Amino acid sequence: MADTQPPKLSPAEATRKIRLILDEGTVDYSFHCLHQRMPERGVDTLDVEHLLGQGQVVREAEWSDEYNNWKYKMEGADIEGDELAAITVIVDEDFSVFVITVF
């Protein structure tokens, strides 16, 4: 069976691509993120989009065997300046960022 992992982006490349998608693509959220984690943290979509636009991917991506994709952790702050991090997946097929969870 051939290895079909897509190429892994460096933290700097992932940060640039996430910002480009924020400007020109779409941001989607997992049910868990939108209906559980965000309300628990008092975070809304504007906070997450602020993080995606201003934060940084600061470590190497992690591969998910279950979902066959690279997960990128973006770290930064919400609109109020409170620390915020998000686990994201870059979906090239529809030029989107999928936010799995925030913390």
PDB file of N, CA and C in Angstrom:
ATOM      1  N   MET A   1       0.849  -1.191   0.000  1.00  0.00           N
ATOM      2  CA  MET A   1       0.000   0.000   0.000  1.00  0.00           C
ATOM      3  C   MET A   1       0.887   1.244   0.000  1.00  0.00           C
ATOM      4  N   ALA A   2       0.655   2.146  -0.909  1.00  0.00           N
ATOM      5  CA  ALA A   2       1.485   3.345  -1.049  1.00  0.00           C
ATOM      6  C   ALA A   2       1.161   4.359   0.039  1.00  0.00           C
ATOM      7  N   ASP A   3       2.177   5.107   0.403  1.00  0.00           N
ATOM      8  CA  ASP A   3       2.002   6.170   1.381  1.00  0.00           C
ATOM      9  C   ASP A   3       1.394   7.370   0.665  1.00  0.00           C
ATOM     10  N   THR A   4       0.224   7.826   1.122  1.00  0.00           N
ATOM     11  CA  THR A   4      -0.466   8.910   0.437  1.00  0.00           C
ATOM     12  C   THR A   4      -0.550  10.171   1.289  1.00  0.00           C
ATOM     13  N   GLN A   5       0.371  10.329   2.222  1.00  0.00           N
ATOM     14  CA  GLN A   5       0.361  11.543   3.037  1.00  0.00           C
ATOM     15  C   GLN A   5       0.618  12.757   2.161  1.00  0.00           C
ATOM     16  N   PRO A   6      -0.226  13.794   2.305  1.00  0.00           N
ATOM     17  CA  PRO A   6       0.086  15.035   1.598  1.00  0.00           C
ATOM     18  C   PRO A   6       1.337  15.664   2.208  1.00  0.00           C
ATOM     19  N   PRO A   7       1.996  16.551   1.494  1.00  0.00           N
ATOM     20  CA  PRO A   7       3.199  17.167   2.052  1.00  0.00           C
ATOM     21  C   PRO A   7       2.868  17.974   3.306  1.00  0.00           C
ATOM     22  N   LYS A   8       3.785  17.933   4.255  1.00  0.00           N
ATOM     23  CA  LYS A   8       3.623  18.688   5.497  1.00  0.00           C
ATOM     24  C   LYS A   8       4.197  20.082   5.295  1.00  0.00           C
ATOM     25  N   LEU A   9       3.440  21.100   5.703  1.00  0.00           N
ATOM     26  CA  LEU A   9       3.931  22.466   5.625  1.00  0.00           C
ATOM     27  C   LEU A   9       4.774  22.779   6.863  1.00  0.00           C
ATOM     28  N   SER A  10       5.770  23.632   6.694  1.00  0.00           N
ATOM     29  CA  SER A  10       6.530  24.107   7.854  1.00  0.00           C
ATOM     30  C   SER A  10       5.609  25.023   8.660  1.00  0.00           C
ATOM     31  N   PRO A  11       5.951  25.301   9.928  1.00  0.00           N
ATOM     32  CA  PRO A  11       5.118  26.227  10.705  1.00  0.00           C
ATOM     33  C   PRO A  11       4.911  27.578  10.002  1.00  0.00           C
ATOM     34  N   ALA A  12       5.969  28.127   9.398  1.00  0.00           N
ATOM     35  CA  ALA A  12       5.846  29.422   8.711  1.00  0.00           C
ATOM     36  C   ALA A  12       4.946  29.306   7.481  1.00  0.00           C
ATOM     37  N   GLU A  13       5.097  28.221   6.710  1.00  0.00           N
ATOM     38  CA  GLU A  13       4.253  28.008   5.527  1.00  0.00           C
ATOM     39  C   GLU A  13       2.795  27.836   5.928  1.00  0.00           C
ATOM     40  N   ALA A  14       2.559  27.070   7.002  1.00  0.00           N
ATOM     41  CA  ALA A  14       1.188  26.841   7.473  1.00  0.00           C
ATOM     42  C   ALA A  14       0.555  28.155   7.937  1.00  0.00           C
ATOM     43  N   THR A  15       1.313  28.970   8.650  1.00  0.00           N
ATOM     44  CA  THR A  15       0.802  30.268   9.105  1.00  0.00           C
ATOM     45  C   THR A  15       0.400  31.120   7.909  1.00  0.00           C
ATOM     46  N   ARG A  16       1.266  31.201   6.891  1.00  0.00           N
ATOM     47  CA  ARG A  16       0.958  31.995   5.689  1.00  0.00           C
ATOM     48  C   ARG A  16      -0.283  31.462   4.975  1.00  0.00           C
ATOM     49  N   LYS A  17      -0.374  30.148   4.841  1.00  0.00           N
ATOM     50  CA  LYS A  17      -1.500  29.564   4.109  1.00  0.00           C
ATOM     51  C   LYS A  17      -2.809  29.775   4.867  1.00  0.00           C
ATOM     52  N   ILE A  18      -2.783  29.623   6.177  1.00  0.00           N
ATOM     53  CA  ILE A  18      -3.991  29.846   6.979  1.00  0.00           C
ATOM     54  C   ILE A  18      -4.455  31.297   6.825  1.00  0.00           C
ATOM     55  N   ARG A  19      -3.522  32.240   6.835  1.00  0.00           N
ATOM     56  CA  ARG A  19      -3.892  33.660   6.660  1.00  0.00           C
ATOM     57  C   ARG A  19      -4.475  33.914   5.279  1.00  0.00           C
ATOM     58  N   LEU A  20      -3.905  33.289   4.246  1.00  0.00           N
ATOM     59  CA  LEU A  20      -4.415  33.438   2.890  1.00  0.00           C
ATOM     60  C   LEU A  20      -5.836  32.873   2.793  1.00  0.00           C
ATOM     61  N   ILE A  21      -6.047  31.709   3.380  1.00  0.00           N
ATOM     62  CA  ILE A  21      -7.381  31.102   3.367  1.00  0.00           C
ATOM     63  C   ILE A  21      -8.366  31.978   4.143  1.00  0.00           C
ATOM     64  N   LEU A  22      -7.931  32.550   5.253  1.00  0.00           N
ATOM     65  CA  LEU A  22      -8.798  33.447   6.020  1.00  0.00           C
ATOM     66  C   LEU A  22      -9.263  34.609   5.143  1.00  0.00           C
ATOM     67  N   ASP A  23      -8.363  35.132   4.302  1.00  0.00           N
ATOM     68  CA  ASP A  23      -8.698  36.256   3.418  1.00  0.00           C
ATOM     69  C   ASP A  23      -9.516  35.833   2.201  1.00  0.00           C
ATOM     70  N   GLU A  24      -9.215  34.659   1.638  1.00  0.00           N
ATOM     71  CA  GLU A  24      -9.776  34.315   0.328  1.00  0.00           C
ATOM     72  C   GLU A  24     -10.587  33.025   0.311  1.00  0.00           C
ATOM     73  N   GLY A  25     -10.567  32.260   1.401  1.00  0.00           N
ATOM     74  CA  GLY A  25     -11.275  30.984   1.443  1.00  0.00           C
ATOM     75  C   GLY A  25     -12.348  30.985   2.522  1.00  0.00           C
ATOM     76  N   THR A  26     -12.539  29.837   3.154  1.00  0.00           N
ATOM     77  CA  THR A  26     -13.555  29.727   4.203  1.00  0.00           C
ATOM     78  C   THR A  26     -12.968  29.077   5.451  1.00  0.00           C
ATOM     79  N   VAL A  27     -13.595  29.386   6.570  1.00  0.00           N
ATOM     80  CA  VAL A  27     -13.239  28.788   7.855  1.00  0.00           C
ATOM     81  C   VAL A  27     -14.443  27.979   8.312  1.00  0.00           C
ATOM     82  N   ASP A  28     -14.219  26.696   8.576  1.00  0.00           N
ATOM     83  CA  ASP A  28     -15.271  25.801   9.050  1.00  0.00           C
ATOM     84  C   ASP A  28     -14.892  25.293  10.431  1.00  0.00           C
ATOM     85  N   TYR A  29     -15.906  24.887  11.203  1.00  0.00           N
ATOM     86  CA  TYR A  29     -15.696  24.464  12.583  1.00  0.00           C
ATOM     87  C   TYR A  29     -16.306  23.091  12.816  1.00  0.00           C
ATOM     88  N   SER A  30     -15.618  22.271  13.604  1.00  0.00           N
ATOM     89  CA  SER A  30     -16.204  20.991  13.998  1.00  0.00           C
ATOM     90  C   SER A  30     -17.384  21.251  14.929  1.00  0.00           C
ATOM     91  N   PHE A  31     -18.303  20.315  14.989  1.00  0.00           N
ATOM     92  CA  PHE A  31     -19.442  20.424  15.907  1.00  0.00           C
ATOM     93  C   PHE A  31     -18.936  20.596  17.330  1.00  0.00           C
ATOM     94  N   HIS A  32     -17.957  19.773  17.703  1.00  0.00           N
ATOM     95  CA  HIS A  32     -17.362  19.821  19.051  1.00  0.00           C
ATOM     96  C   HIS A  32     -16.838  21.219  19.362  1.00  0.00           C
ATOM     97  N   CYS A  33     -16.128  21.804  18.404  1.00  0.00           N
ATOM     98  CA  CYS A  33     -15.539  23.127  18.603  1.00  0.00           C
ATOM     99  C   CYS A  33     -16.625  24.189  18.747  1.00  0.00           C
ATOM    100  N   LEU A  34     -17.545  24.233  17.794  1.00  0.00           N
ATOM    101  CA  LEU A  34     -18.544  25.302  17.726  1.00  0.00           C
ATOM    102  C   LEU A  34     -19.567  25.223  18.859  1.00  0.00           C
ATOM    103  N   HIS A  35     -19.958  24.008  19.245  1.00  0.00           N
ATOM    104  CA  HIS A  35     -21.058  23.859  20.201  1.00  0.00           C
ATOM    105  C   HIS A  35     -20.621  23.470  21.608  1.00  0.00           C
ATOM    106  N   GLN A  36     -19.346  23.090  21.790  1.00  0.00           N
ATOM    107  CA  GLN A  36     -18.884  22.724  23.121  1.00  0.00           C
ATOM    108  C   GLN A  36     -17.723  23.598  23.576  1.00  0.00           C
ATOM    109  N   ARG A  37     -16.589  23.512  22.878  1.00  0.00           N
ATOM    110  CA  ARG A  37     -15.380  24.197  23.346  1.00  0.00           C
ATOM    111  C   ARG A  37     -15.488  25.715  23.287  1.00  0.00           C
ATOM    112  N   MET A  38     -16.023  26.260  22.215  1.00  0.00           N
ATOM    113  CA  MET A  38     -16.102  27.714  22.110  1.00  0.00           C
ATOM    114  C   MET A  38     -17.015  28.308  23.186  1.00  0.00           C
ATOM    115  N   PRO A  39     -18.224  27.760  23.405  1.00  0.00           N
ATOM    116  CA  PRO A  39     -19.045  28.296  24.498  1.00  0.00           C
ATOM    117  C   PRO A  39     -18.377  28.122  25.874  1.00  0.00           C
ATOM    118  N   GLU A  40     -17.724  26.987  26.098  1.00  0.00           N
ATOM    119  CA  GLU A  40     -17.034  26.770  27.381  1.00  0.00           C
ATOM    120  C   GLU A  40     -15.965  27.827  27.629  1.00  0.00           C
ATOM    121  N   ARG A  41     -15.277  28.232  26.565  1.00  0.00           N
ATOM    122  CA  ARG A  41     -14.181  29.201  26.686  1.00  0.00           C
ATOM    123  C   ARG A  41     -14.644  30.644  26.541  1.00  0.00           C
ATOM    124  N   GLY A  42     -15.912  30.868  26.189  1.00  0.00           N
ATOM    125  CA  GLY A  42     -16.390  32.221  25.941  1.00  0.00           C
ATOM    126  C   GLY A  42     -15.776  32.810  24.684  1.00  0.00           C
ATOM    127  N   VAL A  43     -15.566  31.955  23.689  1.00  0.00           N
ATOM    128  CA  VAL A  43     -14.924  32.333  22.434  1.00  0.00           C
ATOM    129  C   VAL A  43     -15.974  32.287  21.324  1.00  0.00           C
ATOM    130  N   ASP A  44     -15.951  33.283  20.432  1.00  0.00           N
ATOM    131  CA  ASP A  44     -16.838  33.235  19.269  1.00  0.00           C
ATOM    132  C   ASP A  44     -16.009  33.185  17.987  1.00  0.00           C
ATOM    133  N   THR A  45     -16.692  33.154  16.844  1.00  0.00           N
ATOM    134  CA  THR A  45     -15.972  32.999  15.578  1.00  0.00           C
ATOM    135  C   THR A  45     -15.064  34.194  15.299  1.00  0.00           C
ATOM    136  N   LEU A  46     -15.432  35.385  15.758  1.00  0.00           N
ATOM    137  CA  LEU A  46     -14.557  36.552  15.561  1.00  0.00           C
ATOM    138  C   LEU A  46     -13.245  36.381  16.321  1.00  0.00           C
ATOM    139  N   ASP A  47     -13.319  35.792  17.535  1.00  0.00           N
ATOM    140  CA  ASP A  47     -12.096  35.520  18.300  1.00  0.00           C
ATOM    141  C   ASP A  47     -11.201  34.537  17.550  1.00  0.00           C
ATOM    142  N   VAL A  48     -11.807  33.483  17.007  1.00  0.00           N
ATOM    143  CA  VAL A  48     -11.025  32.466  16.291  1.00  0.00           C
ATOM    144  C   VAL A  48     -10.418  33.069  15.023  1.00  0.00           C
ATOM    145  N   GLU A  49     -11.195  33.863  14.292  1.00  0.00           N
ATOM    146  CA  GLU A  49     -10.660  34.473  13.084  1.00  0.00           C
ATOM    147  C   GLU A  49      -9.548  35.473  13.414  1.00  0.00           C
ATOM    148  N   HIS A  50      -9.651  36.156  14.549  1.00  0.00           N
ATOM    149  CA  HIS A  50      -8.573  37.042  14.999  1.00  0.00           C
ATOM    150  C   HIS A  50      -7.307  36.227  15.247  1.00  0.00           C
ATOM    151  N   LEU A  51      -7.466  35.100  15.944  1.00  0.00           N
ATOM    152  CA  LEU A  51      -6.333  34.201  16.194  1.00  0.00           C
ATOM    153  C   LEU A  51      -5.719  33.743  14.870  1.00  0.00           C
ATOM    154  N   LEU A  52      -6.549  33.312  13.924  1.00  0.00           N
ATOM    155  CA  LEU A  52      -6.031  32.813  12.648  1.00  0.00           C
ATOM    156  C   LEU A  52      -5.295  33.908  11.882  1.00  0.00           C
ATOM    157  N   GLY A  53      -5.741  35.149  12.020  1.00  0.00           N
ATOM    158  CA  GLY A  53      -5.123  36.254  11.305  1.00  0.00           C
ATOM    159  C   GLY A  53      -3.874  36.809  11.976  1.00  0.00           C
ATOM    160  N   GLN A  54      -3.775  36.655  13.295  1.00  0.00           N
ATOM    161  CA  GLN A  54      -2.680  37.266  14.040  1.00  0.00           C
ATOM    162  C   GLN A  54      -1.737  36.263  14.697  1.00  0.00           C
ATOM    163  N   GLY A  55      -2.207  35.036  14.903  1.00  0.00           N
ATOM    164  CA  GLY A  55      -1.409  34.038  15.621  1.00  0.00           C
ATOM    165  C   GLY A  55      -0.343  33.402  14.747  1.00  0.00           C
ATOM    166  N   GLN A  56       0.329  32.429  15.313  1.00  0.00           N
ATOM    167  CA  GLN A  56       1.416  31.728  14.628  1.00  0.00           C
ATOM    168  C   GLN A  56       1.288  30.226  14.846  1.00  0.00           C
ATOM    169  N   VAL A  57       1.616  29.466  13.818  1.00  0.00           N
ATOM    170  CA  VAL A  57       1.860  28.032  13.988  1.00  0.00           C
ATOM    171  C   VAL A  57       3.311  27.950  14.444  1.00  0.00           C
ATOM    172  N   VAL A  58       3.545  27.453  15.645  1.00  0.00           N
ATOM    173  CA  VAL A  58       4.894  27.526  16.212  1.00  0.00           C
ATOM    174  C   VAL A  58       5.577  26.171  16.357  1.00  0.00           C
ATOM    175  N   ARG A  59       4.875  25.100  16.001  1.00  0.00           N
ATOM    176  CA  ARG A  59       5.520  23.785  16.066  1.00  0.00           C
ATOM    177  C   ARG A  59       5.139  22.956  14.854  1.00  0.00           C
ATOM    178  N   GLU A  60       5.877  21.890  14.663  1.00  0.00           N
ATOM    179  CA  GLU A  60       5.644  21.018  13.513  1.00  0.00           C
ATOM    180  C   GLU A  60       4.245  20.412  13.560  1.00  0.00           C
ATOM    181  N   ALA A  61       3.688  20.162  12.393  1.00  0.00           N
ATOM    182  CA  ALA A  61       2.369  19.547  12.276  1.00  0.00           C
ATOM    183  C   ALA A  61       2.390  18.130  12.822  1.00  0.00           C
ATOM    184  N   GLU A  62       1.218  17.673  13.254  1.00  0.00           N
ATOM    185  CA  GLU A  62       1.050  16.290  13.697  1.00  0.00           C
ATOM    186  C   GLU A  62       0.142  15.578  12.703  1.00  0.00           C
ATOM    187  N   TRP A  63       0.528  14.349  12.335  1.00  0.00           N
ATOM    188  CA  TRP A  63      -0.249  13.556  11.401  1.00  0.00           C
ATOM    189  C   TRP A  63      -1.362  12.821  12.136  1.00  0.00           C
ATOM    190  N   SER A  64      -2.559  12.815  11.573  1.00  0.00           N
ATOM    191  CA  SER A  64      -3.682  12.059  12.106  1.00  0.00           C
ATOM    192  C   SER A  64      -3.940  10.860  11.208  1.00  0.00           C
ATOM    193  N   ASP A  65      -3.636   9.655  11.712  1.00  0.00           N
ATOM    194  CA  ASP A  65      -3.927   8.441  10.949  1.00  0.00           C
ATOM    195  C   ASP A  65      -5.429   8.250  10.780  1.00  0.00           C
ATOM    196  N   GLU A  66      -6.187   8.665  11.804  1.00  0.00           N
ATOM    197  CA  GLU A  66      -7.637   8.481  11.776  1.00  0.00           C
ATOM    198  C   GLU A  66      -8.285   9.283  10.644  1.00  0.00           C
ATOM    199  N   TYR A  67      -7.835  10.521  10.452  1.00  0.00           N
ATOM    200  CA  TYR A  67      -8.460  11.398   9.460  1.00  0.00           C
ATOM    201  C   TYR A  67      -7.589  11.638   8.228  1.00  0.00           C
ATOM    202  N   ASN A  68      -6.375  11.082   8.236  1.00  0.00           N
ATOM    203  CA  ASN A  68      -5.484  11.192   7.074  1.00  0.00           C
ATOM    204  C   ASN A  68      -5.174  12.649   6.714  1.00  0.00           C
ATOM    205  N   ASN A  69      -4.806  13.431   7.741  1.00  0.00           N
ATOM    206  CA  ASN A  69      -4.472  14.830   7.473  1.00  0.00           C
ATOM    207  C   ASN A  69      -3.458  15.341   8.500  1.00  0.00           C
ATOM    208  N   TRP A  70      -2.874  16.484   8.174  1.00  0.00           N
ATOM    209  CA  TRP A  70      -1.947  17.162   9.080  1.00  0.00           C
ATOM    210  C   TRP A  70      -2.723  18.131   9.949  1.00  0.00           C
ATOM    211  N   LYS A  71      -2.429  18.134  11.243  1.00  0.00           N
ATOM    212  CA  LYS A  71      -3.052  19.080  12.169  1.00  0.00           C
ATOM    213  C   LYS A  71      -2.009  20.128  12.559  1.00  0.00           C
ATOM    214  N   TYR A  72      -2.426  21.380  12.494  1.00  0.00           N
ATOM    215  CA  TYR A  72      -1.552  22.504  12.833  1.00  0.00           C
ATOM    216  C   TYR A  72      -2.118  23.229  14.053  1.00  0.00           C
ATOM    217  N   LYS A  73      -1.274  23.450  15.041  1.00  0.00           N
ATOM    218  CA  LYS A  73      -1.693  24.180  16.240  1.00  0.00           C
ATOM    219  C   LYS A  73      -1.305  25.644  16.082  1.00  0.00           C
ATOM    220  N   MET A  74      -2.311  26.520  16.064  1.00  0.00           N
ATOM    221  CA  MET A  74      -2.059  27.956  15.975  1.00  0.00           C
ATOM    222  C   MET A  74      -2.197  28.542  17.370  1.00  0.00           C
ATOM    223  N   GLU A  75      -1.219  29.350  17.761  1.00  0.00           N
ATOM    224  CA  GLU A  75      -1.216  29.961  19.082  1.00  0.00           C
ATOM    225  C   GLU A  75      -1.214  31.472  18.954  1.00  0.00           C
ATOM    226  N   GLY A  76      -1.913  32.128  19.867  1.00  0.00           N
ATOM    227  CA  GLY A  76      -1.970  33.582  19.858  1.00  0.00           C
ATOM    228  C   GLY A  76      -2.960  34.072  20.887  1.00  0.00           C
ATOM    229  N   ALA A  77      -3.797  35.026  20.475  1.00  0.00           N
ATOM    230  CA  ALA A  77      -4.746  35.639  21.400  1.00  0.00           C
ATOM    231  C   ALA A  77      -6.072  35.891  20.703  1.00  0.00           C
ATOM    232  N   ASP A  78      -7.130  36.020  21.531  1.00  0.00           N
ATOM    233  CA  ASP A  78      -8.433  36.399  20.989  1.00  0.00           C
ATOM    234  C   ASP A  78      -8.508  37.925  20.876  1.00  0.00           C
ATOM    235  N   ILE A  79      -9.661  38.445  20.536  1.00  0.00           N
ATOM    236  CA  ILE A  79      -9.822  39.890  20.319  1.00  0.00           C
ATOM    237  C   ILE A  79      -9.489  40.686  21.582  1.00  0.00           C
ATOM    238  N   GLU A  80      -9.817  40.128  22.755  1.00  0.00           N
ATOM    239  CA  GLU A  80      -9.559  40.826  24.014  1.00  0.00           C
ATOM    240  C   GLU A  80      -8.105  40.700  24.475  1.00  0.00           C
ATOM    241  N   GLY A  81      -7.314  39.920  23.758  1.00  0.00           N
ATOM    242  CA  GLY A  81      -5.918  39.739  24.129  1.00  0.00           C
ATOM    243  C   GLY A  81      -5.671  38.548  25.046  1.00  0.00           C
ATOM    244  N   ASP A  82      -6.719  37.744  25.315  1.00  0.00           N
ATOM    245  CA  ASP A  82      -6.550  36.539  26.129  1.00  0.00           C
ATOM    246  C   ASP A  82      -5.927  35.436  25.282  1.00  0.00           C
ATOM    247  N   GLU A  83      -5.058  34.643  25.908  1.00  0.00           N
ATOM    248  CA  GLU A  83      -4.414  33.539  25.198  1.00  0.00           C
ATOM    249  C   GLU A  83      -5.444  32.611  24.585  1.00  0.00           C
ATOM    250  N   LEU A  84      -5.161  32.194  23.360  1.00  0.00           N
ATOM    251  CA  LEU A  84      -6.050  31.272  22.662  1.00  0.00           C
ATOM    252  C   LEU A  84      -5.206  30.415  21.728  1.00  0.00           C
ATOM    253  N   ALA A  85      -5.567  29.165  21.616  1.00  0.00           N
ATOM    254  CA  ALA A  85      -4.921  28.259  20.668  1.00  0.00           C
ATOM    255  C   ALA A  85      -6.008  27.474  19.949  1.00  0.00           C
ATOM    256  N   ALA A  86      -5.706  27.046  18.736  1.00  0.00           N
ATOM    257  CA  ALA A  86      -6.657  26.267  17.948  1.00  0.00           C
ATOM    258  C   ALA A  86      -5.914  25.168  17.215  1.00  0.00           C
ATOM    259  N   ILE A  87      -6.526  24.003  17.168  1.00  0.00           N
ATOM    260  CA  ILE A  87      -6.028  22.913  16.335  1.00  0.00           C
ATOM    261  C   ILE A  87      -6.788  23.003  15.016  1.00  0.00           C
ATOM    262  N   THR A  88      -6.035  23.125  13.918  1.00  0.00           N
ATOM    263  CA  THR A  88      -6.636  23.348  12.608  1.00  0.00           C
ATOM    264  C   THR A  88      -6.146  22.319  11.591  1.00  0.00           C
ATOM    265  N   VAL A  89      -6.933  22.177  10.542  1.00  0.00           N
ATOM    266  CA  VAL A  89      -6.564  21.359   9.389  1.00  0.00           C
ATOM    267  C   VAL A  89      -6.748  22.233   8.155  1.00  0.00           C
ATOM    268  N   ILE A  90      -5.748  22.250   7.293  1.00  0.00           N
ATOM    269  CA  ILE A  90      -5.848  22.966   6.022  1.00  0.00           C
ATOM    270  C   ILE A  90      -6.420  22.007   4.989  1.00  0.00           C
ATOM    271  N   VAL A  91      -7.550  22.393   4.389  1.00  0.00           N
ATOM    272  CA  VAL A  91      -8.225  21.537   3.404  1.00  0.00           C
ATOM    273  C   VAL A  91      -8.027  22.174   2.030  1.00  0.00           C
ATOM    274  N   ASP A  92      -7.033  21.663   1.295  1.00  0.00           N
ATOM    275  CA  ASP A  92      -6.696  22.232  -0.005  1.00  0.00           C
ATOM    276  C   ASP A  92      -7.824  22.068  -1.021  1.00  0.00           C
ATOM    277  N   GLU A  93      -8.570  20.961  -0.946  1.00  0.00           N
ATOM    278  CA  GLU A  93      -9.598  20.676  -1.950  1.00  0.00           C
ATOM    279  C   GLU A  93     -10.638  21.783  -2.052  1.00  0.00           C
ATOM    280  N   ASP A  94     -11.003  22.397  -0.930  1.00  0.00           N
ATOM    281  CA  ASP A  94     -11.985  23.492  -1.003  1.00  0.00           C
ATOM    282  C   ASP A  94     -11.449  24.796  -0.417  1.00  0.00           C
ATOM    283  N   PHE A  95     -10.120  24.901  -0.322  1.00  0.00           N
ATOM    284  CA  PHE A  95      -9.439  26.110   0.147  1.00  0.00           C
ATOM    285  C   PHE A  95     -10.068  26.619   1.442  1.00  0.00           C
ATOM    286  N   SER A  96     -10.048  25.738   2.459  1.00  0.00           N
ATOM    287  CA  SER A  96     -10.629  26.102   3.739  1.00  0.00           C
ATOM    288  C   SER A  96      -9.711  25.682   4.875  1.00  0.00           C
ATOM    289  N   VAL A  97      -9.997  26.276   6.022  1.00  0.00           N
ATOM    290  CA  VAL A  97      -9.373  25.871   7.278  1.00  0.00           C
ATOM    291  C   VAL A  97     -10.471  25.263   8.116  1.00  0.00           C
ATOM    292  N   PHE A  98     -10.236  24.057   8.638  1.00  0.00           N
ATOM    293  CA  PHE A  98     -11.194  23.378   9.500  1.00  0.00           C
ATOM    294  C   PHE A  98     -10.655  23.477  10.926  1.00  0.00           C
ATOM    295  N   VAL A  99     -11.409  24.127  11.804  1.00  0.00           N
ATOM    296  CA  VAL A  99     -10.993  24.297  13.201  1.00  0.00           C
ATOM    297  C   VAL A  99     -11.579  23.133  13.997  1.00  0.00           C
ATOM    298  N   ILE A 100     -10.688  22.281  14.518  1.00  0.00           N
ATOM    299  CA  ILE A 100     -11.116  21.093  15.241  1.00  0.00           C
ATOM    300  C   ILE A 100     -11.519  21.447  16.668  1.00  0.00           C
ATOM    301  N   THR A 101     -10.673  22.252  17.346  1.00  0.00           N
ATOM    302  CA  THR A 101     -10.965  22.634  18.720  1.00  0.00           C
ATOM    303  C   THR A 101     -10.175  23.882  19.077  1.00  0.00           C
ATOM    304  N   VAL A 102     -10.598  24.533  20.143  1.00  0.00           N
ATOM    305  CA  VAL A 102      -9.893  25.690  20.683  1.00  0.00           C
ATOM    306  C   VAL A 102      -9.663  25.476  22.168  1.00  0.00           C
ATOM    307  N   PHE A 103      -8.599  26.086  22.666  1.00  0.00           N
ATOM    308  CA  PHE A 103      -8.335  26.026  24.100  1.00  0.00           C
ATOM    309  C   PHE A 103      -7.451  27.174  24.510  1.00  0.00           C
TER     310      PHE A 103
END
